[in-house]
Amino acid sequence: YTSCKVDSFKLSGAAGGFIEGSVSLRGYDEDTGAIEAGISKSTKKAWRFVDAAVKIDGVSIGALVQGFDIEVGNGLESDLYTLASGTKMSEIEFTKLSVSASLDLLYETQSQALHAGKYKSDTAAEVEITLTSPDEVESGYNYELVITLPVAQISESSFNLADAGRIKHSMKFTGLEDESNSAIVFELVDGQELAYL
């Protein structure tokens, strides 16, 4: 499928598991030629949750995190047909970007401080999630993906106080843009020498 654009994608991780992702694509046209020769599966190891790190405003909260989700939606147009486009929709355009993240935390003084200091005062925070591969690009440098929401508004902060078990803290964030920050930033460390875009 040619001219594919990402409509939405999600990355998630939970204690004891692997980092998992899902991607939804929209394509403009179909290539009926032969599949390119030489495609093979990756020999790299799967990334695990235990090799992740989470910071809020530069302070590590990794000791509290039991799981996270990051979702990005590009809100691609899906109905742009015109007389000139014939049987195919015109090439898809981006519309409204949406960025969200959620954290499942153990309740502790650090998470209570986030609730009282950020959520109750309606103050934005910077959320940074670092995913690290066990494989090295070269000696001393692992493959790594750093995902940052520079201006993250806390949309929900709740506790399971009605339950009889251990108190948990759930937080949800919405990534916002401002005059100097994008809603989300990705930094990738790998063996690619040239820029992807």
Protein backbone atom coordinates (compact mmCIF):
# COMPACT_ATOMS: atom_id res chain seq x y z
CA TYR A 1 0.00 0.00 0.00
CA THR A 2 1.50 3.32 -1.08
CA SER A 3 1.30 6.79 0.42
CA CYS A 4 0.48 5.32 3.85
CA LYS A 5 0.06 7.69 6.76
CA VAL A 6 -0.33 6.79 10.41
CA ASP A 7 -3.90 7.37 11.57
CA SER A 8 -3.22 6.32 15.16
CA PHE A 9 -0.78 4.34 17.22
CA LYS A 10 -0.42 3.16 20.80
CA LEU A 11 2.52 2.04 22.92
CA SER A 12 2.00 0.37 26.28
CA GLY A 13 3.88 -1.51 28.94
CA ALA A 14 3.00 -3.24 32.18
CA ALA A 15 5.00 -4.80 34.98
CA GLY A 16 6.45 -8.18 34.01
CA GLY A 17 5.63 -7.81 30.32
CA PHE A 18 6.96 -6.51 27.01
CA ILE A 19 6.51 -3.10 25.40
CA GLU A 20 3.63 -3.54 22.97
CA GLY A 21 2.42 -1.36 20.14
CA SER A 22 -0.38 -1.12 17.63
CA VAL A 23 -0.59 1.06 14.51
CA SER A 24 -3.52 2.03 12.31
CA LEU A 25 -2.60 3.12 8.76
CA ARG A 26 -4.50 4.72 5.90
CA GLY A 27 -3.17 4.32 2.37
CA TYR A 28 -3.94 6.15 -0.84
CA ASP A 29 -3.24 3.44 -3.41
CA GLU A 30 -2.26 -0.19 -3.84
CA ASP A 31 0.90 -1.55 -5.45
CA THR A 32 0.15 -4.84 -7.17
CA GLY A 33 3.80 -5.52 -8.04
CA ALA A 34 5.88 -8.24 -6.44
CA ILE A 35 6.86 -7.95 -2.80
CA GLU A 36 10.37 -6.62 -2.47
CA ALA A 37 12.89 -9.43 -2.10
CA GLY A 38 15.12 -9.64 0.92
CA ILE A 39 12.57 -8.76 3.62
CA SER A 40 13.39 -10.67 6.79
CA LYS A 41 12.34 -10.65 10.43
CA SER A 42 14.31 -8.66 12.96
CA THR A 43 17.01 -10.41 14.96
CA LYS A 44 16.76 -7.85 17.77
CA LYS A 45 15.40 -8.75 21.20
CA ALA A 46 11.96 -7.57 22.29
CA TRP A 47 11.88 -4.50 24.53
CA ARG A 48 10.67 -5.08 28.09
CA PHE A 49 8.84 -2.88 30.58
CA VAL A 50 11.61 -3.40 33.13
CA ASP A 51 13.97 -1.46 30.83
CA ALA A 52 11.71 1.62 30.82
CA ALA A 53 12.00 4.80 32.88
CA VAL A 54 9.39 7.47 33.66
CA LYS A 55 10.02 11.04 34.76
CA ILE A 56 7.65 13.88 35.58
CA ASP A 57 9.23 17.33 35.50
CA GLY A 58 12.63 15.65 35.42
CA VAL A 59 12.06 13.61 38.60
CA SER A 60 12.05 9.81 38.32
CA ILE A 61 8.86 8.05 39.46
CA GLY A 62 9.88 4.64 38.15
CA ALA A 63 9.62 3.00 41.56
CA LEU A 64 5.86 3.69 41.53
CA VAL A 65 4.93 2.88 37.93
CA GLN A 66 3.11 -0.39 37.26
CA GLY A 67 2.08 0.41 33.70
CA PHE A 68 1.78 3.12 31.06
CA ASP A 69 -0.01 3.86 27.79
CA ILE A 70 0.75 6.47 25.14
CA GLU A 71 -1.73 7.12 22.32
CA VAL A 72 -1.37 9.42 19.33
CA GLY A 73 -4.20 10.08 16.89
CA ASN A 74 -3.64 12.05 13.69
CA GLY A 75 -7.37 12.26 12.91
CA LEU A 76 -6.86 11.59 9.20
CA GLU A 77 -9.59 12.52 6.75
CA SER A 78 -11.47 9.48 5.49
CA ASP A 79 -14.11 10.91 3.16
CA LEU A 80 -12.33 13.24 0.72
CA TYR A 81 -13.84 12.16 -2.60
CA THR A 82 -14.21 14.55 -5.53
CA LEU A 83 -15.15 14.22 -9.18
CA ALA A 84 -11.43 14.33 -10.06
CA SER A 85 -10.52 11.60 -7.57
CA GLY A 86 -12.57 8.96 -9.42
CA THR A 87 -12.95 5.71 -7.49
CA LYS A 88 -10.17 6.57 -5.05
CA MET A 89 -10.22 9.11 -2.29
CA SER A 90 -7.86 12.04 -2.69
CA GLU A 91 -4.65 11.69 -0.71
CA ILE A 92 -5.35 11.72 3.01
CA GLU A 93 -4.63 14.90 4.95
CA PHE A 94 -3.92 15.36 8.65
CA THR A 95 -6.59 17.15 10.67
CA LYS A 96 -6.49 17.37 14.47
CA LEU A 97 -3.67 15.73 16.42
CA SER A 98 -4.55 14.16 19.77
CA VAL A 99 -1.95 12.96 22.28
CA SER A 100 -2.69 11.20 25.55
CA ALA A 101 -0.82 9.19 28.15
CA SER A 102 -1.82 7.30 31.26
CA LEU A 103 0.13 5.96 34.22
CA ASP A 104 -0.81 3.30 36.75
CA LEU A 105 1.01 4.04 39.98
CA LEU A 106 1.33 2.67 43.46
CA TYR A 107 0.03 5.23 45.95
CA GLU A 108 2.83 6.87 47.91
CA THR A 109 3.88 10.33 49.09
CA GLN A 110 5.44 11.10 45.69
CA SER A 111 2.22 10.29 43.82
CA GLN A 112 0.17 12.23 46.40
CA ALA A 113 2.43 15.23 45.81
CA LEU A 114 1.72 15.01 42.06
CA HIS A 115 -2.00 14.89 42.77
CA ALA A 116 -1.92 17.86 45.16
CA GLY A 117 0.74 19.93 43.43
CA LYS A 118 -0.13 19.42 39.76
CA TYR A 119 -3.65 18.06 39.36
CA LYS A 120 -5.45 20.13 42.00
CA SER A 121 -3.66 23.32 40.95
CA ASP A 122 -4.33 22.56 37.24
CA THR A 123 -0.62 22.92 36.43
CA ALA A 124 0.89 21.29 33.34
CA ALA A 125 3.82 18.90 33.72
CA GLU A 126 6.49 17.43 31.47
CA VAL A 127 6.13 13.65 31.10
CA GLU A 128 9.09 11.67 29.77
CA ILE A 129 9.07 7.93 29.08
CA THR A 130 12.34 6.27 28.06
CA LEU A 131 12.30 2.81 26.48
CA THR A 132 15.64 1.00 26.25
CA SER A 133 16.48 -2.12 24.25
CA PRO A 134 18.79 -4.83 25.58
CA ASP A 135 20.59 -4.68 22.19
CA GLU A 136 23.44 -2.24 21.61
CA VAL A 137 23.89 -0.02 18.56
CA GLU A 138 27.58 -0.07 19.44
CA SER A 139 29.48 -0.74 22.64
CA GLY A 140 28.01 1.32 25.47
CA TYR A 141 25.04 2.66 23.44
CA ASN A 142 21.74 0.79 23.51
CA TYR A 143 18.85 1.30 21.13
CA GLU A 144 16.58 3.77 22.88
CA LEU A 145 13.34 5.69 22.37
CA VAL A 146 12.56 8.75 24.49
CA ILE A 147 8.96 9.98 24.30
CA THR A 148 8.27 13.39 25.82
CA LEU A 149 5.03 15.29 26.37
CA PRO A 150 6.56 18.73 27.11
CA VAL A 151 3.23 20.29 28.15
CA ALA A 152 1.04 17.58 29.65
CA GLN A 153 -2.22 18.62 31.26
CA ILE A 154 -3.37 16.17 33.94
CA SER A 155 -6.94 15.33 32.95
CA GLU A 156 -7.55 12.70 35.62
CA SER A 157 -5.99 11.71 38.94
CA SER A 158 -7.89 9.12 40.96
CA PHE A 159 -7.42 6.54 43.71
CA ASN A 160 -9.13 3.19 44.29
CA LEU A 161 -10.07 4.03 47.88
CA ALA A 162 -13.22 1.90 47.76
CA ASP A 163 -11.21 -1.28 47.26
CA ALA A 164 -9.94 -3.44 50.10
CA GLY A 165 -6.52 -4.00 48.52
CA ARG A 166 -3.45 -1.85 48.03
CA ILE A 167 -4.17 1.77 47.11
CA LYS A 168 -3.43 2.54 43.45
CA HIS A 169 -3.17 5.90 41.72
CA SER A 170 -4.32 6.36 38.10
CA MET A 171 -3.26 9.45 36.17
CA LYS A 172 -4.21 10.55 32.66
CA PHE A 173 -2.45 13.27 30.68
CA THR A 174 -3.30 15.23 27.53
CA GLY A 175 -0.39 16.49 25.43
CA LEU A 176 -0.78 20.16 24.45
CA GLU A 177 1.05 22.46 22.08
CA ASP A 178 2.22 25.94 23.00
CA GLU A 179 4.28 28.64 21.30
CA SER A 180 7.55 26.76 21.86
CA ASN A 181 6.62 23.07 22.27
CA SER A 182 5.06 20.32 20.19
CA ALA A 183 2.41 18.10 21.79
CA ILE A 184 4.80 15.12 21.65
CA VAL A 185 8.48 14.62 20.84
CA PHE A 186 10.24 11.37 19.89
CA GLU A 187 14.01 10.90 20.16
CA LEU A 188 15.34 7.66 18.71
CA VAL A 189 18.83 6.25 19.18
CA ASP A 190 19.64 3.60 16.57
CA GLY A 191 22.14 2.72 13.87
CA GLN A 192 20.56 4.84 11.11
CA GLU A 193 23.03 7.43 9.83
CA LEU A 194 20.62 9.58 7.83
CA ALA A 195 17.46 11.33 8.98
CA TYR A 196 14.23 9.38 8.49
CA LEU A 197 12.26 12.37 7.19
